């Protein structure tokens, strides 16, 4: 570890020297550009050294996890598309809503994609499923249940009582179910 720290310190000093050389050549465009390239290289080297010193393997594992989450979300939305046969515009609307719910709630976008799939399998159109998703999330949060359970309850309630699929009716159903 001490060797790695010494190596990083040496690279930082080299980057500092390149920076000073750059400032001396600011009036000379070609030399300044070459200086910026050299500084960029030194910074890249420092970054690589730090990653290796601080656990480059952890970063690789993190990258794999991020890629898996992305794949899971895309797979979920592909299933929604298969169920609904939605056009590109409707798919974009549903994808955007699932991502928004993933950003703004305690649930992940992948969870929202699975709930969207449940809603569309329950017969909701693309527009209805998009409108119902936020209500299903509210129902899940209010009752500390999974998003899958909440979307199933939403489907059964709206279809079973023959309620129109509208934000107002879904809000009313949430209020009644959550008391």
Foldseek 3Di string as FASTA:
>chain_A
DVVLVVVLVVLVVVLVVLVVQLVVCVVPVVSNVVSVVSNVVSVVVSVVSVCVVVPVVVVVVVVVVVVVLVVLLVVLLVLLCVLAVDDPVLSVLQLVLLCVCCVPDPDHSSQLSNLLNLLSNLPAHSVLSSLCSVLLRVLCVLVVHGSNVSSVVLSCVCVVVVNDSDNVVSVVVSVVVSD
